[in-house]
């Protein structure tokens, strides 16, 4: 279903089609804060004009398809890991952040994750 608004076509998706992004009590549902943060970074990159919406969609599509080809489960974890990989790939391609700085940040998060007690939030 779609509608025409001032010469632009607007796609109206049924609520059930949003899968892991389904709205609950007015807020998107995320299992972990990093999931929301990854999508927020991607949204900011597009809004700031650093990457195009098309480039974002292509990067995410590639990562989702790669996960499927590798036999990953079709679930929220796989989706958000694909989001994270796509964001990292776009950051490397655009060089908005230096490769060494990005690698250092990824490693810092990895170390924080490995060293935090179970059940505690991961923070840098």
PDB file of N, CA and C in Angstrom:
ATOM      1  N   UNK A   1       0.844  -1.165   0.000  1.00  0.00           N
ATOM      2  CA  UNK A   1       0.000   0.000   0.000  1.00  0.00           C
ATOM      3  C   UNK A   1       0.893   1.233   0.000  1.00  0.00           C
ATOM      4  N   UNK A   2       0.532   2.228  -0.807  1.00  0.00           N
ATOM      5  CA  UNK A   2       1.283   3.467  -0.816  1.00  0.00           C
ATOM      6  C   UNK A   2       0.329   4.619  -1.086  1.00  0.00           C
ATOM      7  N   UNK A   3       0.790   5.806  -0.822  1.00  0.00           N
ATOM      8  CA  UNK A   3      -0.028   6.989  -1.081  1.00  0.00           C
ATOM      9  C   UNK A   3       0.846   8.041  -1.750  1.00  0.00           C
ATOM     10  N   UNK A   4       0.204   8.993  -2.398  1.00  0.00           N
ATOM     11  CA  UNK A   4       0.907  10.055  -3.091  1.00  0.00           C
ATOM     12  C   UNK A   4       0.789  11.325  -2.250  1.00  0.00           C
ATOM     13  N   UNK A   5       1.930  11.914  -1.899  1.00  0.00           N
ATOM     14  CA  UNK A   5       1.948  13.118  -1.099  1.00  0.00           C
ATOM     15  C   UNK A   5       2.823  14.144  -1.783  1.00  0.00           C
ATOM     16  N   UNK A   6       2.219  15.203  -2.292  1.00  0.00           N
ATOM     17  CA  UNK A   6       2.961  16.272  -2.949  1.00  0.00           C
ATOM     18  C   UNK A   6       3.945  15.732  -3.982  1.00  0.00           C
ATOM     19  N   UNK A   7       3.486  14.803  -4.795  1.00  0.00           N
ATOM     20  CA  UNK A   7       4.302  14.290  -5.874  1.00  0.00           C
ATOM     21  C   UNK A   7       5.288  13.219  -5.485  1.00  0.00           C
ATOM     22  N   UNK A   8       5.301  12.792  -4.219  1.00  0.00           N
ATOM     23  CA  UNK A   8       6.211  11.747  -3.776  1.00  0.00           C
ATOM     24  C   UNK A   8       5.396  10.543  -3.319  1.00  0.00           C
ATOM     25  N   UNK A   9       5.865   9.385  -3.660  1.00  0.00           N
ATOM     26  CA  UNK A   9       5.205   8.163  -3.221  1.00  0.00           C
ATOM     27  C   UNK A   9       5.714   7.821  -1.834  1.00  0.00           C
ATOM     28  N   UNK A  10       4.804   7.529  -0.937  1.00  0.00           N
ATOM     29  CA  UNK A  10       5.139   7.149   0.424  1.00  0.00           C
ATOM     30  C   UNK A  10       4.672   5.730   0.657  1.00  0.00           C
ATOM     31  N   UNK A  11       5.573   4.864   1.043  1.00  0.00           N
ATOM     32  CA  UNK A  11       5.233   3.478   1.317  1.00  0.00           C
ATOM     33  C   UNK A  11       4.673   3.371   2.719  1.00  0.00           C
ATOM     34  N   UNK A  12       3.517   2.780   2.831  1.00  0.00           N
ATOM     35  CA  UNK A  12       2.884   2.560   4.124  1.00  0.00           C
ATOM     36  C   UNK A  12       3.000   1.081   4.463  1.00  0.00           C
ATOM     37  N   UNK A  13       3.867   0.757   5.412  1.00  0.00           N
ATOM     38  CA  UNK A  13       4.083  -0.638   5.775  1.00  0.00           C
ATOM     39  C   UNK A  13       3.145  -1.052   6.897  1.00  0.00           C
ATOM     40  N   UNK A  14       2.589  -2.251   6.814  1.00  0.00           N
ATOM     41  CA  UNK A  14       1.803  -2.749   7.927  1.00  0.00           C
ATOM     42  C   UNK A  14       2.689  -2.900   9.153  1.00  0.00           C
ATOM     43  N   UNK A  15       2.151  -2.729  10.330  1.00  0.00           N
ATOM     44  CA  UNK A  15       2.918  -2.798  11.566  1.00  0.00           C
ATOM     45  C   UNK A  15       3.687  -4.113  11.692  1.00  0.00           C
ATOM     46  N   UNK A  16       3.087  -5.229  11.269  1.00  0.00           N
ATOM     47  CA  UNK A  16       3.728  -6.534  11.409  1.00  0.00           C
ATOM     48  C   UNK A  16       4.959  -6.689  10.530  1.00  0.00           C
ATOM     49  N   UNK A  17       5.123  -5.861   9.505  1.00  0.00           N
ATOM     50  CA  UNK A  17       6.240  -6.026   8.577  1.00  0.00           C
ATOM     51  C   UNK A  17       7.551  -5.483   9.134  1.00  0.00           C
ATOM     52  N   UNK A  18       7.529  -4.846  10.276  1.00  0.00           N
ATOM     53  CA  UNK A  18       8.730  -4.223  10.810  1.00  0.00           C
ATOM     54  C   UNK A  18       9.613  -5.183  11.590  1.00  0.00           C
ATOM     55  N   UNK A  19       9.162  -6.398  11.823  1.00  0.00           N
ATOM     56  CA  UNK A  19       9.972  -7.409  12.495  1.00  0.00           C
ATOM     57  C   UNK A  19      10.589  -6.895  13.774  1.00  0.00           C
ATOM     58  N   UNK A  20      11.943  -6.955  13.898  1.00  0.00           N
ATOM     59  CA  UNK A  20      12.572  -6.570  15.157  1.00  0.00           C
ATOM     60  C   UNK A  20      12.438  -5.081  15.482  1.00  0.00           C
ATOM     61  N   UNK A  21      12.021  -4.276  14.511  1.00  0.00           N
ATOM     62  CA  UNK A  21      11.860  -2.845  14.773  1.00  0.00           C
ATOM     63  C   UNK A  21      10.416  -2.496  15.127  1.00  0.00           C
ATOM     64  N   UNK A  22       9.583  -3.500  15.319  1.00  0.00           N
ATOM     65  CA  UNK A  22       8.183  -3.292  15.672  1.00  0.00           C
ATOM     66  C   UNK A  22       8.099  -2.343  16.869  1.00  0.00           C
ATOM     67  N   UNK A  23       7.173  -1.428  16.820  1.00  0.00           N
ATOM     68  CA  UNK A  23       7.030  -0.443  17.880  1.00  0.00           C
ATOM     69  C   UNK A  23       6.218  -1.016  19.034  1.00  0.00           C
ATOM     70  N   UNK A  24       6.639  -0.704  20.234  1.00  0.00           N
ATOM     71  CA  UNK A  24       5.945  -1.144  21.436  1.00  0.00           C
ATOM     72  C   UNK A  24       5.850   0.060  22.370  1.00  0.00           C
ATOM     73  N   UNK A  25       4.658   0.445  22.714  1.00  0.00           N
ATOM     74  CA  UNK A  25       4.446   1.603  23.581  1.00  0.00           C
ATOM     75  C   UNK A  25       5.121   2.854  23.031  1.00  0.00           C
ATOM     76  N   UNK A  26       5.158   2.975  21.696  1.00  0.00           N
ATOM     77  CA  UNK A  26       5.705   4.173  21.073  1.00  0.00           C
ATOM     78  C   UNK A  26       7.207   4.171  20.877  1.00  0.00           C
ATOM     79  N   UNK A  27       7.901   3.155  21.372  1.00  0.00           N
ATOM     80  CA  UNK A  27       9.351   3.099  21.237  1.00  0.00           C
ATOM     81  C   UNK A  27       9.764   1.838  20.494  1.00  0.00           C
ATOM     82  N   UNK A  28      10.834   1.918  19.677  1.00  0.00           N
ATOM     83  CA  UNK A  28      11.327   0.703  19.032  1.00  0.00           C
ATOM     84  C   UNK A  28      11.815  -0.288  20.085  1.00  0.00           C
ATOM     85  N   UNK A  29      11.713  -1.540  19.776  1.00  0.00           N
ATOM     86  CA  UNK A  29      12.160  -2.588  20.685  1.00  0.00           C
ATOM     87  C   UNK A  29      13.548  -3.042  20.284  1.00  0.00           C
ATOM     88  N   UNK A  30      14.473  -2.974  21.204  1.00  0.00           N
ATOM     89  CA  UNK A  30      15.831  -3.453  20.999  1.00  0.00           C
ATOM     90  C   UNK A  30      16.187  -4.343  22.174  1.00  0.00           C
ATOM     91  N   UNK A  31      16.918  -5.400  21.894  1.00  0.00           N
ATOM     92  CA  UNK A  31      17.345  -6.294  22.967  1.00  0.00           C
ATOM     93  C   UNK A  31      18.517  -5.717  23.741  1.00  0.00           C
ATOM     94  N   UNK A  32      19.360  -4.957  23.052  1.00  0.00           N
ATOM     95  CA  UNK A  32      20.568  -4.401  23.650  1.00  0.00           C
ATOM     96  C   UNK A  32      20.739  -2.953  23.187  1.00  0.00           C
ATOM     97  N   UNK A  33      21.360  -2.144  24.016  1.00  0.00           N
ATOM     98  CA  UNK A  33      21.577  -0.735  23.670  1.00  0.00           C
ATOM     99  C   UNK A  33      22.413  -0.583  22.404  1.00  0.00           C
ATOM    100  N   UNK A  34      23.394  -1.472  22.200  1.00  0.00           N
ATOM    101  CA  UNK A  34      24.270  -1.358  21.033  1.00  0.00           C
ATOM    102  C   UNK A  34      23.495  -1.498  19.736  1.00  0.00           C
ATOM    103  N   UNK A  35      22.380  -2.212  19.763  1.00  0.00           N
ATOM    104  CA  UNK A  35      21.567  -2.365  18.562  1.00  0.00           C
ATOM    105  C   UNK A  35      20.989  -1.015  18.148  1.00  0.00           C
ATOM    106  N   UNK A  36      20.423  -0.315  19.105  1.00  0.00           N
ATOM    107  CA  UNK A  36      19.872   1.014  18.832  1.00  0.00           C
ATOM    108  C   UNK A  36      20.981   1.984  18.440  1.00  0.00           C
ATOM    109  N   UNK A  37      22.111   1.895  19.112  1.00  0.00           N
ATOM    110  CA  UNK A  37      23.218   2.787  18.823  1.00  0.00           C
ATOM    111  C   UNK A  37      23.763   2.569  17.415  1.00  0.00           C
ATOM    112  N   UNK A  38      23.840   1.310  16.988  1.00  0.00           N
ATOM    113  CA  UNK A  38      24.324   1.019  15.637  1.00  0.00           C
ATOM    114  C   UNK A  38      23.410   1.620  14.582  1.00  0.00           C
ATOM    115  N   UNK A  39      22.100   1.457  14.777  1.00  0.00           N
ATOM    116  CA  UNK A  39      21.158   2.050  13.826  1.00  0.00           C
ATOM    117  C   UNK A  39      21.207   3.576  13.881  1.00  0.00           C
ATOM    118  N   UNK A  40      21.406   4.135  15.076  1.00  0.00           N
ATOM    119  CA  UNK A  40      21.483   5.589  15.211  1.00  0.00           C
ATOM    120  C   UNK A  40      22.709   6.145  14.486  1.00  0.00           C
ATOM    121  N   UNK A  41      23.821   5.437  14.560  1.00  0.00           N
ATOM    122  CA  UNK A  41      25.024   5.876  13.847  1.00  0.00           C
ATOM    123  C   UNK A  41      24.775   5.863  12.346  1.00  0.00           C
ATOM    124  N   UNK A  42      24.158   4.783  11.866  1.00  0.00           N
ATOM    125  CA  UNK A  42      23.855   4.696  10.432  1.00  0.00           C
ATOM    126  C   UNK A  42      22.926   5.832  10.017  1.00  0.00           C
ATOM    127  N   UNK A  43      21.909   6.089  10.819  1.00  0.00           N
ATOM    128  CA  UNK A  43      20.968   7.167  10.523  1.00  0.00           C
ATOM    129  C   UNK A  43      21.681   8.516  10.490  1.00  0.00           C
ATOM    130  N   UNK A  44      22.571   8.727  11.420  1.00  0.00           N
ATOM    131  CA  UNK A  44      23.322   9.989  11.481  1.00  0.00           C
ATOM    132  C   UNK A  44      24.239  10.148  10.269  1.00  0.00           C
ATOM    133  N   UNK A  45      24.875   9.056   9.843  1.00  0.00           N
ATOM    134  CA  UNK A  45      25.738   9.119   8.664  1.00  0.00           C
ATOM    135  C   UNK A  45      24.950   9.519   7.427  1.00  0.00           C
ATOM    136  N   UNK A  46      23.735   8.985   7.308  1.00  0.00           N
ATOM    137  CA  UNK A  46      22.885   9.331   6.159  1.00  0.00           C
ATOM    138  C   UNK A  46      22.391  10.773   6.290  1.00  0.00           C
ATOM    139  N   UNK A  47      21.872  11.132   7.475  1.00  0.00           N
ATOM    140  CA  UNK A  47      21.354  12.496   7.679  1.00  0.00           C
ATOM    141  C   UNK A  47      22.417  13.563   7.452  1.00  0.00           C
ATOM    142  N   UNK A  48      23.653  13.255   7.829  1.00  0.00           N
ATOM    143  CA  UNK A  48      24.745  14.226   7.677  1.00  0.00           C
ATOM    144  C   UNK A  48      25.294  14.256   6.250  1.00  0.00           C
ATOM    145  N   UNK A  49      24.816  13.358   5.406  1.00  0.00           N
ATOM    146  CA  UNK A  49      25.277  13.327   4.029  1.00  0.00           C
ATOM    147  C   UNK A  49      26.631  12.662   3.846  1.00  0.00           C
ATOM    148  N   UNK A  50      27.113  11.986   4.877  1.00  0.00           N
ATOM    149  CA  UNK A  50      28.393  11.292   4.782  1.00  0.00           C
ATOM    150  C   UNK A  50      28.267  10.093   3.848  1.00  0.00           C
ATOM    151  N   UNK A  51      27.144   9.405   3.933  1.00  0.00           N
ATOM    152  CA  UNK A  51      26.825   8.316   3.003  1.00  0.00           C
ATOM    153  C   UNK A  51      25.399   8.537   2.501  1.00  0.00           C
ATOM    154  N   UNK A  52      25.121   8.029   1.342  1.00  0.00           N
ATOM    155  CA  UNK A  52      23.762   8.147   0.811  1.00  0.00           C
ATOM    156  C   UNK A  52      22.892   7.044   1.394  1.00  0.00           C
ATOM    157  N   UNK A  53      21.600   7.268   1.340  1.00  0.00           N
ATOM    158  CA  UNK A  53      20.666   6.237   1.790  1.00  0.00           C
ATOM    159  C   UNK A  53      20.842   4.973   0.955  1.00  0.00           C
ATOM    160  N   UNK A  54      21.137   5.149  -0.317  1.00  0.00           N
ATOM    161  CA  UNK A  54      21.359   4.005  -1.205  1.00  0.00           C
ATOM    162  C   UNK A  54      22.598   3.223  -0.773  1.00  0.00           C
ATOM    163  N   UNK A  55      23.679   3.930  -0.468  1.00  0.00           N
ATOM    164  CA  UNK A  55      24.914   3.258  -0.029  1.00  0.00           C
ATOM    165  C   UNK A  55      24.662   2.497   1.269  1.00  0.00           C
ATOM    166  N   UNK A  56      23.901   3.092   2.190  1.00  0.00           N
ATOM    167  CA  UNK A  56      23.576   2.420   3.449  1.00  0.00           C
ATOM    168  C   UNK A  56      22.755   1.160   3.179  1.00  0.00           C
ATOM    169  N   UNK A  57      21.730   1.283   2.348  1.00  0.00           N
ATOM    170  CA  UNK A  57      20.865   0.138   2.045  1.00  0.00           C
ATOM    171  C   UNK A  57      21.674  -0.976   1.382  1.00  0.00           C
ATOM    172  N   UNK A  58      22.563  -0.625   0.474  1.00  0.00           N
ATOM    173  CA  UNK A  58      23.379  -1.628  -0.208  1.00  0.00           C
ATOM    174  C   UNK A  58      24.347  -2.311   0.758  1.00  0.00           C
ATOM    175  N   UNK A  59      24.965  -1.528   1.642  1.00  0.00           N
ATOM    176  CA  UNK A  59      25.903  -2.100   2.611  1.00  0.00           C
ATOM    177  C   UNK A  59      25.179  -3.043   3.564  1.00  0.00           C
ATOM    178  N   UNK A  60      24.025  -2.629   4.055  1.00  0.00           N
ATOM    179  CA  UNK A  60      23.261  -3.476   4.967  1.00  0.00           C
ATOM    180  C   UNK A  60      22.767  -4.729   4.259  1.00  0.00           C
ATOM    181  N   UNK A  61      22.258  -4.563   3.052  1.00  0.00           N
ATOM    182  CA  UNK A  61      21.777  -5.708   2.281  1.00  0.00           C
ATOM    183  C   UNK A  61      22.899  -6.714   2.059  1.00  0.00           C
ATOM    184  N   UNK A  62      24.080  -6.230   1.714  1.00  0.00           N
ATOM    185  CA  UNK A  62      25.222  -7.112   1.489  1.00  0.00           C
ATOM    186  C   UNK A  62      25.534  -7.910   2.749  1.00  0.00           C
ATOM    187  N   UNK A  63      25.554  -7.235   3.895  1.00  0.00           N
ATOM    188  CA  UNK A  63      25.906  -7.911   5.147  1.00  0.00           C
ATOM    189  C   UNK A  63      24.834  -8.915   5.565  1.00  0.00           C
ATOM    190  N   UNK A  64      23.561  -8.574   5.379  1.00  0.00           N
ATOM    191  CA  UNK A  64      22.476  -9.505   5.709  1.00  0.00           C
ATOM    192  C   UNK A  64      22.554 -10.736   4.804  1.00  0.00           C
ATOM    193  N   UNK A  65      22.784 -10.508   3.523  1.00  0.00           N
ATOM    194  CA  UNK A  65      22.884 -11.628   2.578  1.00  0.00           C
ATOM    195  C   UNK A  65      24.124 -12.484   2.866  1.00  0.00           C
ATOM    196  N   UNK A  66      25.217 -11.848   3.244  1.00  0.00           N
ATOM    197  CA  UNK A  66      26.433 -12.590   3.589  1.00  0.00           C
ATOM    198  C   UNK A  66      26.189 -13.484   4.802  1.00  0.00           C
ATOM    199  N   UNK A  67      25.486 -12.956   5.789  1.00  0.00           N
ATOM    200  CA  UNK A  67      25.163 -13.746   6.981  1.00  0.00           C
ATOM    201  C   UNK A  67      24.278 -14.935   6.613  1.00  0.00           C
ATOM    202  N   UNK A  68      23.319 -14.705   5.742  1.00  0.00           N
ATOM    203  CA  UNK A  68      22.424 -15.790   5.316  1.00  0.00           C
ATOM    204  C   UNK A  68      23.208 -16.869   4.572  1.00  0.00           C
ATOM    205  N   UNK A  69      24.103 -16.438   3.684  1.00  0.00           N
ATOM    206  CA  UNK A  69      24.915 -17.410   2.934  1.00  0.00           C
ATOM    207  C   UNK A  69      25.816 -18.214   3.871  1.00  0.00           C
ATOM    208  N   UNK A  70      26.239 -17.591   4.966  1.00  0.00           N
ATOM    209  CA  UNK A  70      27.102 -18.269   5.935  1.00  0.00           C
ATOM    210  C   UNK A  70      26.304 -19.172   6.873  1.00  0.00           C
ATOM    211  N   UNK A  71      24.975 -19.175   6.723  1.00  0.00           N
ATOM    212  CA  UNK A  71      24.135 -20.048   7.539  1.00  0.00           C
ATOM    213  C   UNK A  71      23.715 -19.462   8.868  1.00  0.00           C
ATOM    214  N   UNK A  72      23.871 -18.162   9.034  1.00  0.00           N
ATOM    215  CA  UNK A  72      23.462 -17.525  10.291  1.00  0.00           C
ATOM    216  C   UNK A  72      21.945 -17.615  10.453  1.00  0.00           C
ATOM    217  N   UNK A  73      21.511 -17.698  11.680  1.00  0.00           N
ATOM    218  CA  UNK A  73      20.078 -17.752  11.974  1.00  0.00           C
ATOM    219  C   UNK A  73      19.404 -16.461  11.525  1.00  0.00           C
ATOM    220  N   UNK A  74      18.155 -16.561  11.115  1.00  0.00           N
ATOM    221  CA  UNK A  74      17.378 -15.386  10.713  1.00  0.00           C
ATOM    222  C   UNK A  74      16.696 -14.820  11.954  1.00  0.00           C
ATOM    223  N   UNK A  75      17.464 -14.025  12.717  1.00  0.00           N
ATOM    224  CA  UNK A  75      16.924 -13.463  13.952  1.00  0.00           C
ATOM    225  C   UNK A  75      17.488 -12.057  14.181  1.00  0.00           C
ATOM    226  N   UNK A  76      17.072 -11.455  15.263  1.00  0.00           N
ATOM    227  CA  UNK A  76      17.478 -10.076  15.553  1.00  0.00           C
ATOM    228  C   UNK A  76      18.988  -9.960  15.740  1.00  0.00           C
ATOM    229  N   UNK A  77      19.608 -10.929  16.411  1.00  0.00           N
ATOM    230  CA  UNK A  77      21.053 -10.857  16.619  1.00  0.00           C
ATOM    231  C   UNK A  77      21.801 -10.801  15.294  1.00  0.00           C
ATOM    232  N   UNK A  78      21.416 -11.656  14.369  1.00  0.00           N
ATOM    233  CA  UNK A  78      22.063 -11.672  13.058  1.00  0.00           C
ATOM    234  C   UNK A  78      21.860 -10.346  12.340  1.00  0.00           C
ATOM    235  N   UNK A  79      20.640  -9.818  12.420  1.00  0.00           N
ATOM    236  CA  UNK A  79      20.335  -8.546  11.759  1.00  0.00           C
ATOM    237  C   UNK A  79      21.199  -7.418  12.327  1.00  0.00           C
ATOM    238  N   UNK A  80      21.239  -7.291  13.639  1.00  0.00           N
ATOM    239  CA  UNK A  80      21.975  -6.169  14.230  1.00  0.00           C
ATOM    240  C   UNK A  80      23.488  -6.332  14.080  1.00  0.00           C
ATOM    241  N   UNK A  81      23.985  -7.563  14.039  1.00  0.00           N
ATOM    242  CA  UNK A  81      25.403  -7.751  13.732  1.00  0.00           C
ATOM    243  C   UNK A  81      25.693  -7.322  12.300  1.00  0.00           C
ATOM    244  N   UNK A  82      24.745  -7.567  11.391  1.00  0.00           N
ATOM    245  CA  UNK A  82      24.894  -7.098  10.005  1.00  0.00           C
ATOM    246  C   UNK A  82      24.881  -5.570   9.976  1.00  0.00           C
ATOM    247  N   UNK A  83      24.014  -4.947  10.775  1.00  0.00           N
ATOM    248  CA  UNK A  83      23.987  -3.486  10.871  1.00  0.00           C
ATOM    249  C   UNK A  83      25.353  -2.980  11.320  1.00  0.00           C
ATOM    250  N   UNK A  84      25.890  -3.592  12.362  1.00  0.00           N
ATOM    251  CA  UNK A  84      27.184  -3.166  12.896  1.00  0.00           C
ATOM    252  C   UNK A  84      28.290  -3.334  11.857  1.00  0.00           C
ATOM    253  N   UNK A  85      28.317  -4.471  11.166  1.00  0.00           N
ATOM    254  CA  UNK A  85      29.337  -4.681  10.132  1.00  0.00           C
ATOM    255  C   UNK A  85      29.193  -3.662   9.000  1.00  0.00           C
ATOM    256  N   UNK A  86      27.965  -3.357   8.610  1.00  0.00           N
ATOM    257  CA  UNK A  86      27.738  -2.381   7.538  1.00  0.00           C
ATOM    258  C   UNK A  86      28.207  -0.992   7.972  1.00  0.00           C
ATOM    259  N   UNK A  87      27.912  -0.607   9.202  1.00  0.00           N
ATOM    260  CA  UNK A  87      28.355   0.703   9.707  1.00  0.00           C
ATOM    261  C   UNK A  87      29.880   0.766   9.720  1.00  0.00           C
ATOM    262  N   UNK A  88      30.519  -0.283  10.242  1.00  0.00           N
ATOM    263  CA  UNK A  88      31.978  -0.289  10.284  1.00  0.00           C
ATOM    264  C   UNK A  88      32.570  -0.213   8.876  1.00  0.00           C
ATOM    265  N   UNK A  89      31.985  -0.950   7.948  1.00  0.00           N
ATOM    266  CA  UNK A  89      32.462  -0.941   6.567  1.00  0.00           C
ATOM    267  C   UNK A  89      32.337   0.458   5.952  1.00  0.00           C
ATOM    268  N   UNK A  90      31.196   1.107   6.173  1.00  0.00           N
ATOM    269  CA  UNK A  90      30.992   2.457   5.632  1.00  0.00           C
ATOM    270  C   UNK A  90      31.945   3.462   6.275  1.00  0.00           C
ATOM    271  N   UNK A  91      32.182   3.331   7.572  1.00  0.00           N
ATOM    272  CA  UNK A  91      33.127   4.231   8.238  1.00  0.00           C
ATOM    273  C   UNK A  91      34.525   4.073   7.653  1.00  0.00           C
ATOM    274  N   UNK A  92      34.909   2.845   7.362  1.00  0.00           N
ATOM    275  CA  UNK A  92      36.228   2.604   6.767  1.00  0.00           C
ATOM    276  C   UNK A  92      36.295   3.178   5.345  1.00  0.00           C
ATOM    277  N   UNK A  93      35.221   2.990   4.576  1.00  0.00           N
ATOM    278  CA  UNK A  93      35.204   3.466   3.190  1.00  0.00           C
ATOM    279  C   UNK A  93      35.218   4.993   3.109  1.00  0.00           C
ATOM    280  N   UNK A  94      34.452   5.650   3.972  1.00  0.00           N
ATOM    281  CA  UNK A  94      34.362   7.107   3.910  1.00  0.00           C
ATOM    282  C   UNK A  94      35.547   7.788   4.566  1.00  0.00           C
ATOM    283  N   UNK A  95      36.272   7.042   5.381  1.00  0.00           N
ATOM    284  CA  UNK A  95      37.420   7.565   6.120  1.00  0.00           C
ATOM    285  C   UNK A  95      37.057   8.768   6.972  1.00  0.00           C
ATOM    286  N   UNK A  96      35.790   8.808   7.443  1.00  0.00           N
ATOM    287  CA  UNK A  96      35.370   9.872   8.358  1.00  0.00           C
ATOM    288  C   UNK A  96      36.118   9.750   9.681  1.00  0.00           C
ATOM    289  N   UNK A  97      36.551   8.555   9.950  1.00  0.00           N
ATOM    290  CA  UNK A  97      37.372   8.285  11.123  1.00  0.00           C
ATOM    291  C   UNK A  97      38.562   7.478  10.623  1.00  0.00           C
ATOM    292  N   UNK A  98      39.717   7.764  11.126  1.00  0.00           N
ATOM    293  CA  UNK A  98      40.915   7.065  10.671  1.00  0.00           C
ATOM    294  C   UNK A  98      40.841   5.574  10.949  1.00  0.00           C
ATOM    295  N   UNK A  99      41.447   4.796  10.076  1.00  0.00           N
ATOM    296  CA  UNK A  99      41.426   3.331  10.216  1.00  0.00           C
ATOM    297  C   UNK A  99      41.998   2.904  11.568  1.00  0.00           C
ATOM    298  N   UNK A 100      43.116   3.492  11.970  1.00  0.00           N
ATOM    299  CA  UNK A 100      43.727   3.121  13.250  1.00  0.00           C
ATOM    300  C   UNK A 100      42.816   3.477  14.418  1.00  0.00           C
ATOM    301  N   UNK A 101      42.185   4.651  14.329  1.00  0.00           N
ATOM    302  CA  UNK A 101      41.271   5.075  15.397  1.00  0.00           C
ATOM    303  C   UNK A 101      40.062   4.152  15.484  1.00  0.00           C
ATOM    304  N   UNK A 102      39.501   3.778  14.336  1.00  0.00           N
ATOM    305  CA  UNK A 102      38.356   2.866  14.330  1.00  0.00           C
ATOM    306  C   UNK A 102      38.756   1.501  14.871  1.00  0.00           C
ATOM    307  N   UNK A 103      39.888   0.989  14.425  1.00  0.00           N
ATOM    308  CA  UNK A 103      40.356  -0.307  14.920  1.00  0.00           C
ATOM    309  C   UNK A 103      40.578  -0.263  16.431  1.00  0.00           C
ATOM    310  N   UNK A 104      41.147   0.832  16.928  1.00  0.00           N
ATOM    311  CA  UNK A 104      41.379   0.976  18.367  1.00  0.00           C
ATOM    312  C   UNK A 104      40.058   1.017  19.132  1.00  0.00           C
ATOM    313  N   UNK A 105      39.061   1.700  18.582  1.00  0.00           N
ATOM    314  CA  UNK A 105      37.755   1.790  19.247  1.00  0.00           C
ATOM    315  C   UNK A 105      37.062   0.430  19.277  1.00  0.00           C
ATOM    316  N   UNK A 106      37.124  -0.286  18.157  1.00  0.00           N
ATOM    317  CA  UNK A 106      36.532  -1.628  18.102  1.00  0.00           C
ATOM    318  C   UNK A 106      37.211  -2.533  19.128  1.00  0.00           C
ATOM    319  N   UNK A 107      38.517  -2.477  19.211  1.00  0.00           N
ATOM    320  CA  UNK A 107      39.259  -3.303  20.175  1.00  0.00           C
ATOM    321  C   UNK A 107      38.945  -2.895  21.614  1.00  0.00           C
ATOM    322  N   UNK A 108      38.799  -1.610  21.871  1.00  0.00           N
ATOM    323  CA  UNK A 108      38.449  -1.155  23.221  1.00  0.00           C
ATOM    324  C   UNK A 108      37.090  -1.709  23.636  1.00  0.00           C
ATOM    325  N   UNK A 109      36.113  -1.685  22.721  1.00  0.00           N
ATOM    326  CA  UNK A 109      34.789  -2.251  23.021  1.00  0.00           C
ATOM    327  C   UNK A 109      34.884  -3.756  23.232  1.00  0.00           C
ATOM    328  N   UNK A 110      35.703  -4.424  22.423  1.00  0.00           N
ATOM    329  CA  UNK A 110      35.856  -5.870  22.562  1.00  0.00           C
ATOM    330  C   UNK A 110      36.439  -6.215  23.925  1.00  0.00           C
ATOM    331  N   UNK A 111      37.462  -5.484  24.326  1.00  0.00           N
ATOM    332  CA  UNK A 111      38.075  -5.723  25.631  1.00  0.00           C
ATOM    333  C   UNK A 111      37.098  -5.419  26.770  1.00  0.00           C
ATOM    334  N   UNK A 112      36.353  -4.338  26.628  1.00  0.00           N
ATOM    335  CA  UNK A 112      35.366  -3.998  27.660  1.00  0.00           C
ATOM    336  C   UNK A 112      34.326  -5.101  27.779  1.00  0.00           C
ATOM    337  N   UNK A 113      33.873  -5.614  26.633  1.00  0.00           N
ATOM    338  CA  UNK A 113      32.879  -6.685  26.628  1.00  0.00           C
ATOM    339  C   UNK A 113      33.420  -7.939  27.299  1.00  0.00           C
ATOM    340  N   UNK A 114      34.662  -8.285  26.996  1.00  0.00           N
ATOM    341  CA  UNK A 114      35.253  -9.500  27.551  1.00  0.00           C
ATOM    342  C   UNK A 114      35.534  -9.391  29.050  1.00  0.00           C
ATOM    343  N   UNK A 115      35.720  -8.174  29.540  1.00  0.00           N
ATOM    344  CA  UNK A 115      36.123  -7.989  30.935  1.00  0.00           C
ATOM    345  C   UNK A 115      35.010  -7.514  31.865  1.00  0.00           C
ATOM    346  N   UNK A 116      33.818  -7.337  31.361  1.00  0.00           N
ATOM    347  CA  UNK A 116      32.709  -6.875  32.206  1.00  0.00           C
ATOM    348  C   UNK A 116      32.030  -8.077  32.850  1.00  0.00           C
ATOM    349  N   UNK A 117      31.653  -7.985  34.118  1.00  0.00           N
ATOM    350  CA  UNK A 117      30.941  -9.104  34.747  1.00  0.00           C
ATOM    351  C   UNK A 117      29.608  -9.370  34.031  1.00  0.00           C
ATOM    352  N   UNK A 118      29.240 -10.626  33.981  1.00  0.00           N
ATOM    353  CA  UNK A 118      27.997 -11.039  33.302  1.00  0.00           C
ATOM    354  C   UNK A 118      26.810 -10.255  33.863  1.00  0.00           C
ATOM    355  N   UNK A 119      25.974  -9.758  32.961  1.00  0.00           N
ATOM    356  CA  UNK A 119      24.775  -9.045  33.359  1.00  0.00           C
ATOM    357  C   UNK A 119      24.954  -7.552  33.551  1.00  0.00           C
ATOM    358  N   UNK A 120      26.171  -7.091  33.541  1.00  0.00           N
ATOM    359  CA  UNK A 120      26.453  -5.660  33.695  1.00  0.00           C
ATOM    360  C   UNK A 120      26.543  -5.012  32.326  1.00  0.00           C
ATOM    361  N   UNK A 121      26.141  -3.740  32.211  1.00  0.00           N
ATOM    362  CA  UNK A 121      26.248  -3.067  30.904  1.00  0.00           C
ATOM    363  C   UNK A 121      27.710  -2.827  30.533  1.00  0.00           C
ATOM    364  N   UNK A 122      27.973  -2.922  29.245  1.00  0.00           N
ATOM    365  CA  UNK A 122      29.329  -2.672  28.733  1.00  0.00           C
ATOM    366  C   UNK A 122      29.479  -1.186  28.496  1.00  0.00           C
ATOM    367  N   UNK A 123      30.494  -0.613  29.082  1.00  0.00           N
ATOM    368  CA  UNK A 123      30.745   0.818  28.928  1.00  0.00           C
ATOM    369  C   UNK A 123      32.230   1.041  28.715  1.00  0.00           C
ATOM    370  N   UNK A 124      32.524   2.107  27.981  1.00  0.00           N
ATOM    371  CA  UNK A 124      33.924   2.511  27.829  1.00  0.00           C
ATOM    372  C   UNK A 124      34.196   3.668  28.760  1.00  0.00           C
TER     373      UNK A 124
END
